Structures are given as structure tokens and as C-alpha cells.
Amino acid sequence: MRPRVQKATRGVRARFGILFVAVIAFCQSVLPAWAQESDIAKQAQNPIARLISVPFENDFSPQTGVNKEDSYILQMKPVVPLNLSKEWNLITRTIVPVVQIPDPATGVHGASGLGDISLSLFLSPAKVGPIIWGAGPIVSFPTATDDILGSGKFSVGPTVVLLRSQGHWLYGSLVYNLFSVAGPSAHSDVDQMLMQPFVNYNLPHRWYLTSSPYVTANWMKSRNQRWTVPIGGGGGRIVHLGKLPVNIYAQLFRNVERPNGTSSWSARLQAQFLFPKK
């Protein structure tokens, strides 16, 4: 890896390490004495649960790019539910990615920095039935600090999540598709889909087994370069920092379909800070 990229990478990791510690300290200092909820694990696994949560997701992919170096993505994903009426809730989900990409091809330099920030808005029934669902728009903003870290386009599209909780199981899927609507003509148009099927089996003492791969398709690419399809999974547990519940899990994936130059496998580690209602 070039010295410039190494220096930037160390700076990014150091700044976000400090931010991560600061968030923990802040959460513990302002945390009220919430009542413990028996279904806290299922709430943590529900993308549109009616509780505030702040996940920090770390995705590692080795042997990426022309020089077979590591790539890394840290995503902060705060979820905030809002009560609109007795019938409807609005769940906001923001994704702030910090990305490290090695040289993807000969003559194309890698970079580290902020990626494109996205905001999803899910309208969801306040009354919970057998099937929990939410739907609305997703908006992606061209906030990347380097051309290679984002699309350079302002993009919008639909997003939907469906899930069911049944006994020890919670399963469902989240999907969205982004289409570029504005931005420099020098940048390629955006037509990209992400689908995240998820299945969780909850065990005693707040342990659980989980699988939640990101299946992606870039519809602007040729068929043999379009899809990334991981399979795999892992496990997690709800732990506590003082009175603050934290959902921690680790997963490992093998990419059975992937574009050239991308890694054949990846690892994901997440710490999700949970703020249940009193």
C-alpha cells in the first residue's frame, strides 16, 4: 500500500476510534435507568424496531484489487423511530460509511475517507401484526471525499423491509434500489440494488445465531460482473456496558458470485448500542 494511503488510513482509523470511545462514554453518562425487556435481542435484530439504536458495523475484505490488499468499511447506522399517529410510525435509518479501498486496477489509485451518506425513511404500521413491514424512499448523497469512494451522483429509490418473529426465530429481508437523478455527466449513472435477507435463531441467555449477507447487483455492469452473492453467518449476544444494552455479533461470508478484483470472502463485526423505551 502506498505511504500516502497508509497515512490516511491510520488517520481515519484513529479519528473513528476516538469517536467510538466518545460515543460509549456519552451513552453511559446520559443513560436513564431503563426497564429490561425480555425481547431485546429480537428488537436489536429488527431493522425497523421502535427503539433508537446506533450500530457500528465493520466489514473486512482481504486480497482486494490489483495488488491483493485489504479493503475496509466502517458504517455508522443510527436508527431513530418517530411516532406520527396512533396508526403509523416513521423509522429513519442513516448510513455514514468510512471506506478504505486499495488500488482497484493498474493505474487507478485507491483511497481512504468518507463515502456516500444515505438516508432511508420507512413508514410502518404502529400496530404490530404477524408480518412486520416498512416501506418508503432511500436517498443517497454524493458526500464521498474521493471519486473512487462514491458514485458522484445524487440518487433516490424505493426501499422495503418485511420480517416475521415466530418463537425463537426472526427472519425477513430488506431491499432497495438506487437510481441516479442528478450529478456530473462524467460520472457513471447509478442503477444498483441491495438485498439483505436475514435469519436469526435466539438462544438462552441472549445468545443467538445469525446470517445477514449483503446481496448486491449493479445493473449497469455486464452479467458476469454484476452480482455479489455472499453465503455464511455467525453468532452474537446482547451484553451490557453498565445499564446500556449492546448487541455484538461476528459473521464470516464466502462470496460465491463476485466481480473481478473483489475478495472471495469477508468478515463483519458489529457493536450496536440500544436505547429501549422506559
C-alpha atoms as a PDB file:
ATOM      1  CA  MET A   1       0.000   0.000   0.000  1.00  0.00           C
ATOM      2  CA  ARG A   2       1.405   3.476  -0.837  1.00  0.00           C
ATOM      3  CA  PRO A   3       2.649   5.644   2.111  1.00  0.00           C
ATOM      4  CA  ARG A   4       0.012   8.325   1.351  1.00  0.00           C
ATOM      5  CA  VAL A   5      -2.838   5.834   1.620  1.00  0.00           C
ATOM      6  CA  GLN A   6      -1.305   4.206   4.718  1.00  0.00           C
ATOM      7  CA  LYS A   7      -1.068   7.584   6.451  1.00  0.00           C
ATOM      8  CA  ALA A   8      -4.653   8.500   5.538  1.00  0.00           C
ATOM      9  CA  THR A   9      -5.881   5.090   6.670  1.00  0.00           C
ATOM     10  CA  ARG A  10      -4.187   5.414  10.063  1.00  0.00           C
ATOM     11  CA  GLY A  11      -5.697   8.879  10.450  1.00  0.00           C
ATOM     12  CA  VAL A  12      -9.207   7.673   9.597  1.00  0.00           C
ATOM     13  CA  ARG A  13      -8.986   4.708  11.982  1.00  0.00           C
ATOM     14  CA  ALA A  14      -7.577   6.879  14.782  1.00  0.00           C
ATOM     15  CA  ARG A  15     -10.305   9.517  14.445  1.00  0.00           C
ATOM     16  CA  PHE A  16     -13.095   6.962  14.394  1.00  0.00           C
ATOM     17  CA  GLY A  17     -11.545   5.035  17.256  1.00  0.00           C
ATOM     18  CA  ILE A  18     -11.698   8.216  19.323  1.00  0.00           C
ATOM     19  CA  LEU A  19     -15.296   8.804  18.161  1.00  0.00           C
ATOM     20  CA  PHE A  20     -16.234   5.224  19.082  1.00  0.00           C
ATOM     21  CA  VAL A  21     -14.859   5.622  22.635  1.00  0.00           C
ATOM     22  CA  ALA A  22     -16.526   9.028  22.964  1.00  0.00           C
ATOM     23  CA  VAL A  23     -19.912   7.605  21.969  1.00  0.00           C
ATOM     24  CA  ILE A  24     -19.596   4.848  24.606  1.00  0.00           C
ATOM     25  CA  ALA A  25     -18.667   7.386  27.273  1.00  0.00           C
ATOM     26  CA  PHE A  26     -21.504   9.704  26.285  1.00  0.00           C
ATOM     27  CA  CYS A  27     -24.076   6.909  26.233  1.00  0.00           C
ATOM     28  CA  GLN A  28     -23.092   5.720  29.679  1.00  0.00           C
ATOM     29  CA  SER A  29     -23.182   9.239  31.119  1.00  0.00           C
ATOM     30  CA  VAL A  30     -26.705  10.057  29.896  1.00  0.00           C
ATOM     31  CA  LEU A  31     -28.322   6.629  30.039  1.00  0.00           C
ATOM     32  CA  PRO A  32     -31.546   6.550  32.113  1.00  0.00           C
ATOM     33  CA  ALA A  33     -32.482   3.514  34.208  1.00  0.00           C
ATOM     34  CA  TRP A  34     -34.492   1.637  31.569  1.00  0.00           C
ATOM     35  CA  ALA A  35     -36.527  -1.423  32.425  1.00  0.00           C
ATOM     36  CA  GLN A  36     -35.056  -4.567  30.928  1.00  0.00           C
ATOM     37  CA  GLU A  37     -37.099  -6.049  28.093  1.00  0.00           C
ATOM     38  CA  SER A  38     -37.237  -9.805  27.550  1.00  0.00           C
ATOM     39  CA  ASP A  39     -37.288  -9.431  23.749  1.00  0.00           C
ATOM     40  CA  ILE A  40     -34.316  -7.062  23.497  1.00  0.00           C
ATOM     41  CA  ALA A  41     -32.447  -9.438  21.170  1.00  0.00           C
ATOM     42  CA  LYS A  42     -35.322  -9.529  18.665  1.00  0.00           C
ATOM     43  CA  GLN A  43     -35.644  -5.759  18.789  1.00  0.00           C
ATOM     44  CA  ALA A  44     -31.938  -5.452  18.011  1.00  0.00           C
ATOM     45  CA  GLN A  45     -32.359  -7.789  15.021  1.00  0.00           C
ATOM     46  CA  ASN A  46     -35.349  -5.845  13.633  1.00  0.00           C
ATOM     47  CA  PRO A  47     -34.223  -3.088  11.187  1.00  0.00           C
ATOM     48  CA  ILE A  48     -37.392  -1.078  11.915  1.00  0.00           C
ATOM     49  CA  ALA A  49     -37.842  -1.769  15.622  1.00  0.00           C
ATOM     50  CA  ARG A  50     -39.371   1.015  17.680  1.00  0.00           C
ATOM     51  CA  LEU A  51     -36.227   1.821  19.615  1.00  0.00           C
ATOM     52  CA  ILE A  52     -33.263   4.073  18.980  1.00  0.00           C
ATOM     53  CA  SER A  53     -30.113   2.175  18.062  1.00  0.00           C
ATOM     54  CA  VAL A  54     -26.643   3.144  16.856  1.00  0.00           C
ATOM     55  CA  PRO A  55     -24.806   0.287  15.117  1.00  0.00           C
ATOM     56  CA  PHE A  56     -21.114   0.472  14.230  1.00  0.00           C
ATOM     57  CA  GLU A  57     -20.526  -2.116  11.505  1.00  0.00           C
ATOM     58  CA  ASN A  58     -17.031  -3.140  10.399  1.00  0.00           C
ATOM     59  CA  ASP A  59     -16.587  -5.092   7.140  1.00  0.00           C
ATOM     60  CA  PHE A  60     -13.169  -6.504   6.192  1.00  0.00           C
ATOM     61  CA  SER A  61     -12.343  -7.942   2.746  1.00  0.00           C
ATOM     62  CA  PRO A  62      -8.802  -9.297   2.185  1.00  0.00           C
ATOM     63  CA  GLN A  63      -6.888  -9.602  -1.091  1.00  0.00           C
ATOM     64  CA  THR A  64      -8.831  -6.921  -2.949  1.00  0.00           C
ATOM     65  CA  GLY A  65      -7.730  -5.036  -6.066  1.00  0.00           C
ATOM     66  CA  VAL A  66      -4.787  -5.388  -8.346  1.00  0.00           C
ATOM     67  CA  ASN A  67      -2.230  -5.733  -5.520  1.00  0.00           C
ATOM     68  CA  LYS A  68      -4.348  -8.090  -3.386  1.00  0.00           C
ATOM     69  CA  GLU A  69      -4.571  -5.723  -0.427  1.00  0.00           C
ATOM     70  CA  ASP A  70      -7.211  -5.390   2.289  1.00  0.00           C
ATOM     71  CA  SER A  71     -10.304  -3.224   1.988  1.00  0.00           C
ATOM     72  CA  TYR A  72     -12.280  -1.980   4.961  1.00  0.00           C
ATOM     73  CA  ILE A  73     -15.622  -0.255   5.548  1.00  0.00           C
ATOM     74  CA  LEU A  74     -16.833   1.226   8.829  1.00  0.00           C
ATOM     75  CA  GLN A  75     -20.518   2.151   8.753  1.00  0.00           C
ATOM     76  CA  MET A  76     -22.329   4.079  11.461  1.00  0.00           C
ATOM     77  CA  LYS A  77     -26.079   3.396  11.087  1.00  0.00           C
ATOM     78  CA  PRO A  78     -28.246   5.309  13.567  1.00  0.00           C
ATOM     79  CA  VAL A  79     -31.924   4.257  13.559  1.00  0.00           C
ATOM     80  CA  VAL A  80     -34.482   6.652  15.046  1.00  0.00           C
ATOM     81  CA  PRO A  81     -38.234   5.824  15.199  1.00  0.00           C
ATOM     82  CA  LEU A  82     -40.796   8.648  15.188  1.00  0.00           C
ATOM     83  CA  ASN A  83     -44.457   8.311  16.153  1.00  0.00           C
ATOM     84  CA  LEU A  84     -46.609  10.017  13.503  1.00  0.00           C
ATOM     85  CA  SER A  85     -50.038   8.932  14.788  1.00  0.00           C
ATOM     86  CA  LYS A  86     -51.803   6.072  16.516  1.00  0.00           C
ATOM     87  CA  GLU A  87     -51.688   4.172  13.226  1.00  0.00           C
ATOM     88  CA  TRP A  88     -48.249   4.966  11.778  1.00  0.00           C
ATOM     89  CA  ASN A  89     -44.585   5.207  12.705  1.00  0.00           C
ATOM     90  CA  LEU A  90     -41.732   6.663  10.685  1.00  0.00           C
ATOM     91  CA  ILE A  91     -38.353   4.968  11.111  1.00  0.00           C
ATOM     92  CA  THR A  92     -35.296   6.864   9.898  1.00  0.00           C
ATOM     93  CA  ARG A  93     -32.114   4.964   9.065  1.00  0.00           C
ATOM     94  CA  THR A  94     -28.941   6.857   8.174  1.00  0.00           C
ATOM     95  CA  ILE A  95     -25.755   5.196   6.914  1.00  0.00           C
ATOM     96  CA  VAL A  96     -22.443   7.056   7.238  1.00  0.00           C
ATOM     97  CA  PRO A  97     -19.618   4.993   5.666  1.00  0.00           C
ATOM     98  CA  VAL A  98     -15.871   5.432   6.084  1.00  0.00           C
ATOM     99  CA  VAL A  99     -14.088   3.460   3.391  1.00  0.00           C
ATOM    100  CA  GLN A 100     -10.577   2.205   2.637  1.00  0.00           C
ATOM    101  CA  ILE A 101     -10.137   0.898  -0.914  1.00  0.00           C
ATOM    102  CA  PRO A 102      -6.779  -0.327  -2.294  1.00  0.00           C
ATOM    103  CA  ASP A 103      -5.813   0.160  -5.943  1.00  0.00           C
ATOM    104  CA  PRO A 104      -8.686  -1.488  -7.871  1.00  0.00           C
ATOM    105  CA  ALA A 105      -6.792  -1.699 -11.178  1.00  0.00           C
ATOM    106  CA  THR A 106      -3.456  -0.826 -12.726  1.00  0.00           C
ATOM    107  CA  GLY A 107      -3.145   2.962 -12.884  1.00  0.00           C
ATOM    108  CA  VAL A 108      -6.208   3.524 -10.681  1.00  0.00           C
ATOM    109  CA  HIS A 109      -5.270   4.619  -7.182  1.00  0.00           C
ATOM    110  CA  GLY A 110      -7.081   3.570  -4.023  1.00  0.00           C
ATOM    111  CA  ALA A 111      -8.159   5.961  -1.313  1.00  0.00           C
ATOM    112  CA  SER A 112      -9.478   6.273   2.242  1.00  0.00           C
ATOM    113  CA  GLY A 113     -12.166   8.606   3.509  1.00  0.00           C
ATOM    114  CA  LEU A 114     -15.881   9.295   3.730  1.00  0.00           C
ATOM    115  CA  GLY A 115     -18.241   7.541   1.294  1.00  0.00           C
ATOM    116  CA  ASP A 116     -21.745   8.489   0.134  1.00  0.00           C
ATOM    117  CA  ILE A 117     -24.178   9.052   3.013  1.00  0.00           C
ATOM    118  CA  SER A 118     -27.669   7.587   2.597  1.00  0.00           C
ATOM    119  CA  LEU A 119     -30.978   8.131   4.395  1.00  0.00           C
ATOM    120  CA  SER A 120     -33.882   5.654   4.419  1.00  0.00           C
ATOM    121  CA  LEU A 121     -37.405   6.533   5.609  1.00  0.00           C
ATOM    122  CA  PHE A 122     -39.697   3.616   6.461  1.00  0.00           C
ATOM    123  CA  LEU A 123     -43.409   4.180   7.017  1.00  0.00           C
ATOM    124  CA  SER A 124     -44.587   1.311   9.220  1.00  0.00           C
ATOM    125  CA  PRO A 125     -47.885   0.435  10.978  1.00  0.00           C
ATOM    126  CA  ALA A 126     -47.852   1.232  14.688  1.00  0.00           C
ATOM    127  CA  LYS A 127     -49.851  -1.908  15.428  1.00  0.00           C
ATOM    128  CA  VAL A 128     -47.619  -4.962  15.141  1.00  0.00           C
ATOM    129  CA  GLY A 129     -49.148  -7.916  13.273  1.00  0.00           C
ATOM    130  CA  PRO A 130     -47.819 -11.358  12.240  1.00  0.00           C
ATOM    131  CA  ILE A 131     -45.838  -9.661   9.463  1.00  0.00           C
ATOM    132  CA  ILE A 132     -43.895  -6.519  10.312  1.00  0.00           C
ATOM    133  CA  TRP A 133     -43.228  -4.246   7.358  1.00  0.00           C
ATOM    134  CA  GLY A 134     -41.986  -0.817   6.405  1.00  0.00           C
ATOM    135  CA  ALA A 135     -41.629   0.982   3.078  1.00  0.00           C
ATOM    136  CA  GLY A 136     -40.521   4.346   1.777  1.00  0.00           C
ATOM    137  CA  PRO A 137     -37.753   6.180  -0.070  1.00  0.00           C
ATOM    138  CA  ILE A 138     -33.989   5.964   0.187  1.00  0.00           C
ATOM    139  CA  VAL A 139     -31.786   8.909  -0.764  1.00  0.00           C
ATOM    140  CA  SER A 140     -28.027   8.748  -1.399  1.00  0.00           C
ATOM    141  CA  PHE A 141     -25.987  11.957  -1.209  1.00  0.00           C
ATOM    142  CA  PRO A 142     -22.666  12.424  -3.099  1.00  0.00           C
ATOM    143  CA  THR A 143     -20.585  13.112   0.019  1.00  0.00           C
ATOM    144  CA  ALA A 144     -17.552  10.957  -0.838  1.00  0.00           C
ATOM    145  CA  THR A 145     -14.208  12.643  -0.238  1.00  0.00           C
ATOM    146  CA  ASP A 146     -12.671  10.888  -3.256  1.00  0.00           C
ATOM    147  CA  ASP A 147     -14.200   9.883  -6.600  1.00  0.00           C
ATOM    148  CA  ILE A 148     -13.392   6.212  -6.061  1.00  0.00           C
ATOM    149  CA  LEU A 149     -15.215   6.144  -2.704  1.00  0.00           C
ATOM    150  CA  GLY A 150     -18.648   7.091  -4.074  1.00  0.00           C
ATOM    151  CA  SER A 151     -20.825   7.457  -7.142  1.00  0.00           C
ATOM    152  CA  GLY A 152     -20.605  11.231  -7.509  1.00  0.00           C
ATOM    153  CA  LYS A 153     -24.365  11.215  -8.116  1.00  0.00           C
ATOM    154  CA  PHE A 154     -27.457  12.209  -6.156  1.00  0.00           C
ATOM    155  CA  SER A 155     -29.581   9.053  -6.186  1.00  0.00           C
ATOM    156  CA  VAL A 156     -33.029   8.034  -4.951  1.00  0.00           C
ATOM    157  CA  GLY A 157     -35.131   4.891  -4.983  1.00  0.00           C
ATOM    158  CA  PRO A 158     -37.610   2.685  -3.101  1.00  0.00           C
ATOM    159  CA  THR A 159     -36.806   0.596  -0.048  1.00  0.00           C
ATOM    160  CA  VAL A 160     -38.866  -2.104   1.679  1.00  0.00           C
ATOM    161  CA  VAL A 161     -38.378  -4.356   4.689  1.00  0.00           C
ATOM    162  CA  LEU A 162     -40.514  -7.387   5.622  1.00  0.00           C
ATOM    163  CA  LEU A 163     -39.958  -9.639   8.622  1.00  0.00           C
ATOM    164  CA  ARG A 164     -41.640 -12.110  10.940  1.00  0.00           C
ATOM    165  CA  SER A 165     -40.980 -13.082  14.544  1.00  0.00           C
ATOM    166  CA  GLN A 166     -42.020 -16.639  15.388  1.00  0.00           C
ATOM    167  CA  GLY A 167     -40.887 -18.409  18.541  1.00  0.00           C
ATOM    168  CA  HIS A 168     -37.084 -18.416  18.664  1.00  0.00           C
ATOM    169  CA  TRP A 169     -36.906 -17.249  15.037  1.00  0.00           C
ATOM    170  CA  LEU A 170     -36.803 -13.794  13.475  1.00  0.00           C
ATOM    171  CA  TYR A 171     -36.406 -13.669   9.701  1.00  0.00           C
ATOM    172  CA  GLY A 172     -37.084 -11.408   6.748  1.00  0.00           C
ATOM    173  CA  SER A 173     -35.390  -9.210   4.173  1.00  0.00           C
ATOM    174  CA  LEU A 174     -34.517  -5.598   3.444  1.00  0.00           C
ATOM    175  CA  VAL A 175     -34.171  -4.422  -0.157  1.00  0.00           C
ATOM    176  CA  TYR A 176     -33.629  -1.167  -2.012  1.00  0.00           C
ATOM    177  CA  ASN A 177     -32.707   0.037  -5.490  1.00  0.00           C
ATOM    178  CA  LEU A 178     -30.981   3.350  -6.173  1.00  0.00           C
ATOM    179  CA  PHE A 179     -31.283   5.355  -9.404  1.00  0.00           C
ATOM    180  CA  SER A 180     -29.174   8.450 -10.105  1.00  0.00           C
ATOM    181  CA  VAL A 181     -31.213  11.608 -10.767  1.00  0.00           C
ATOM    182  CA  ALA A 182     -28.547  14.332 -10.732  1.00  0.00           C
ATOM    183  CA  GLY A 183     -24.799  14.766 -10.841  1.00  0.00           C
ATOM    184  CA  PRO A 184     -21.879  15.338 -13.216  1.00  0.00           C
ATOM    185  CA  SER A 185     -22.201  13.590 -16.585  1.00  0.00           C
ATOM    186  CA  ALA A 186     -18.578  12.461 -16.235  1.00  0.00           C
ATOM    187  CA  HIS A 187     -19.706  10.020 -13.539  1.00  0.00           C
ATOM    188  CA  SER A 188     -21.484   6.795 -14.468  1.00  0.00           C
ATOM    189  CA  ASP A 189     -25.218   6.577 -13.910  1.00  0.00           C
ATOM    190  CA  VAL A 190     -26.401   4.639 -10.861  1.00  0.00           C
ATOM    191  CA  ASP A 191     -28.786   1.689 -11.010  1.00  0.00           C
ATOM    192  CA  GLN A 192     -27.886  -0.535  -8.066  1.00  0.00           C
ATOM    193  CA  MET A 193     -29.792  -2.969  -5.885  1.00  0.00           C
ATOM    194  CA  LEU A 194     -29.000  -4.202  -2.388  1.00  0.00           C
ATOM    195  CA  MET A 195     -30.910  -7.037  -0.744  1.00  0.00           C
ATOM    196  CA  GLN A 196     -30.186  -8.163   2.816  1.00  0.00           C
ATOM    197  CA  PRO A 197     -32.004 -11.355   3.777  1.00  0.00           C
ATOM    198  CA  PHE A 198     -31.641 -12.097   7.475  1.00  0.00           C
ATOM    199  CA  VAL A 199     -32.436 -15.045   9.706  1.00  0.00           C
ATOM    200  CA  ASN A 200     -31.838 -15.214  13.455  1.00  0.00           C
ATOM    201  CA  TYR A 201     -32.320 -18.044  15.930  1.00  0.00           C
ATOM    202  CA  ASN A 202     -32.403 -16.827  19.522  1.00  0.00           C
ATOM    203  CA  LEU A 203     -30.840 -18.992  22.227  1.00  0.00           C
ATOM    204  CA  PRO A 204     -30.977 -18.771  26.037  1.00  0.00           C
ATOM    205  CA  HIS A 205     -29.089 -16.032  27.897  1.00  0.00           C
ATOM    206  CA  ARG A 206     -29.414 -13.609  24.929  1.00  0.00           C
ATOM    207  CA  TRP A 207     -27.124 -15.563  22.616  1.00  0.00           C
ATOM    208  CA  TYR A 208     -28.241 -16.051  19.008  1.00  0.00           C
ATOM    209  CA  LEU A 209     -27.204 -17.447  15.637  1.00  0.00           C
ATOM    210  CA  THR A 210     -27.483 -15.133  12.654  1.00  0.00           C
ATOM    211  CA  SER A 211     -26.979 -14.747   8.908  1.00  0.00           C
ATOM    212  CA  SER A 212     -27.455 -11.389   7.165  1.00  0.00           C
ATOM    213  CA  PRO A 213     -25.437 -11.188   3.923  1.00  0.00           C
ATOM    214  CA  TYR A 214     -25.492  -8.219   1.550  1.00  0.00           C
ATOM    215  CA  VAL A 215     -26.518  -9.404  -1.924  1.00  0.00           C
ATOM    216  CA  THR A 216     -25.817  -6.624  -4.426  1.00  0.00           C
ATOM    217  CA  ALA A 217     -26.397  -6.100  -8.142  1.00  0.00           C
ATOM    218  CA  ASN A 218     -25.037  -3.280 -10.298  1.00  0.00           C
ATOM    219  CA  TRP A 219     -27.452  -3.290 -13.230  1.00  0.00           C
ATOM    220  CA  MET A 220     -25.112  -1.061 -15.262  1.00  0.00           C
ATOM    221  CA  LYS A 221     -22.488  -3.831 -15.434  1.00  0.00           C
ATOM    222  CA  SER A 222     -22.358  -6.883 -17.672  1.00  0.00           C
ATOM    223  CA  ARG A 223     -23.945 -10.062 -16.298  1.00  0.00           C
ATOM    224  CA  ASN A 224     -20.657 -11.695 -15.328  1.00  0.00           C
ATOM    225  CA  GLN A 225     -19.594  -8.570 -13.365  1.00  0.00           C
ATOM    226  CA  ARG A 226     -22.970  -7.579 -11.904  1.00  0.00           C
ATOM    227  CA  TRP A 227     -23.561  -9.686  -8.805  1.00  0.00           C
ATOM    228  CA  THR A 228     -22.005 -10.100  -5.380  1.00  0.00           C
ATOM    229  CA  VAL A 229     -23.600 -13.063  -3.575  1.00  0.00           C
ATOM    230  CA  PRO A 230     -22.202 -13.996  -0.129  1.00  0.00           C
ATOM    231  CA  ILE A 231     -23.210 -17.001   1.938  1.00  0.00           C
ATOM    232  CA  GLY A 232     -22.325 -17.514   5.589  1.00  0.00           C
ATOM    233  CA  GLY A 233     -23.220 -16.333   9.054  1.00  0.00           C
ATOM    234  CA  GLY A 234     -22.147 -16.269  12.670  1.00  0.00           C
ATOM    235  CA  GLY A 235     -23.358 -15.569  16.162  1.00  0.00           C
ATOM    236  CA  GLY A 236     -23.892 -12.804  18.659  1.00  0.00           C
ATOM    237  CA  ARG A 237     -25.054 -11.823  22.110  1.00  0.00           C
ATOM    238  CA  ILE A 238     -26.656  -8.931  23.960  1.00  0.00           C
ATOM    239  CA  VAL A 239     -24.204  -7.621  26.561  1.00  0.00           C
ATOM    240  CA  HIS A 240     -24.258  -4.586  28.842  1.00  0.00           C
ATOM    241  CA  LEU A 241     -21.957  -1.628  29.396  1.00  0.00           C
ATOM    242  CA  GLY A 242     -23.307  -0.605  32.765  1.00  0.00           C
ATOM    243  CA  LYS A 243     -27.037  -0.372  32.073  1.00  0.00           C
ATOM    244  CA  LEU A 244     -26.547   0.162  28.333  1.00  0.00           C
ATOM    245  CA  PRO A 245     -27.504  -2.912  26.247  1.00  0.00           C
ATOM    246  CA  VAL A 246     -25.172  -3.568  23.323  1.00  0.00           C
ATOM    247  CA  ASN A 247     -25.754  -6.080  20.536  1.00  0.00           C
ATOM    248  CA  ILE A 248     -22.438  -7.621  19.427  1.00  0.00           C
ATOM    249  CA  TYR A 249     -22.028 -10.143  16.633  1.00  0.00           C
ATOM    250  CA  ALA A 250     -19.465 -11.575  14.226  1.00  0.00           C
ATOM    251  CA  GLN A 251     -20.131 -13.138  10.823  1.00  0.00           C
ATOM    252  CA  LEU A 252     -17.988 -14.705   8.102  1.00  0.00           C
ATOM    253  CA  PHE A 253     -19.035 -14.881   4.425  1.00  0.00           C
ATOM    254  CA  ARG A 254     -17.844 -16.597   1.265  1.00  0.00           C
ATOM    255  CA  ASN A 255     -18.642 -14.784  -2.000  1.00  0.00           C
ATOM    256  CA  VAL A 256     -19.933 -17.455  -4.366  1.00  0.00           C
ATOM    257  CA  GLU A 257     -20.502 -14.820  -7.075  1.00  0.00           C
ATOM    258  CA  ARG A 258     -18.417 -11.654  -7.348  1.00  0.00           C
ATOM    259  CA  PRO A 259     -16.955  -9.138  -9.825  1.00  0.00           C
ATOM    260  CA  ASN A 260     -13.318  -9.330 -10.854  1.00  0.00           C
ATOM    261  CA  GLY A 261     -10.901  -7.709  -8.436  1.00  0.00           C
ATOM    262  CA  THR A 262     -13.063  -8.218  -5.356  1.00  0.00           C
ATOM    263  CA  SER A 263     -12.396 -10.515  -2.422  1.00  0.00           C
ATOM    264  CA  SER A 264     -13.612 -14.114  -2.287  1.00  0.00           C
ATOM    265  CA  TRP A 265     -14.579 -13.756   1.378  1.00  0.00           C
ATOM    266  CA  SER A 266     -15.303 -11.140   4.039  1.00  0.00           C
ATOM    267  CA  ALA A 267     -15.745 -10.754   7.786  1.00  0.00           C
ATOM    268  CA  ARG A 268     -18.179  -8.495   9.642  1.00  0.00           C
ATOM    269  CA  LEU A 269     -18.039  -7.306  13.245  1.00  0.00           C
ATOM    270  CA  GLN A 270     -20.744  -5.111  14.731  1.00  0.00           C
ATOM    271  CA  ALA A 271     -21.435  -3.325  18.007  1.00  0.00           C
ATOM    272  CA  GLN A 272     -24.969  -1.917  18.170  1.00  0.00           C
ATOM    273  CA  PHE A 273     -25.865   0.402  21.042  1.00  0.00           C
ATOM    274  CA  LEU A 274     -29.527   0.055  22.040  1.00  0.00           C
ATOM    275  CA  PHE A 275     -31.815   2.581  23.677  1.00  0.00           C
ATOM    276  CA  PRO A 276     -35.099   0.860  24.631  1.00  0.00           C
ATOM    277  CA  LYS A 277     -38.037   2.945  25.822  1.00  0.00           C
ATOM    278  CA  LYS A 278     -38.717   3.144  29.537  1.00  0.00           C
END
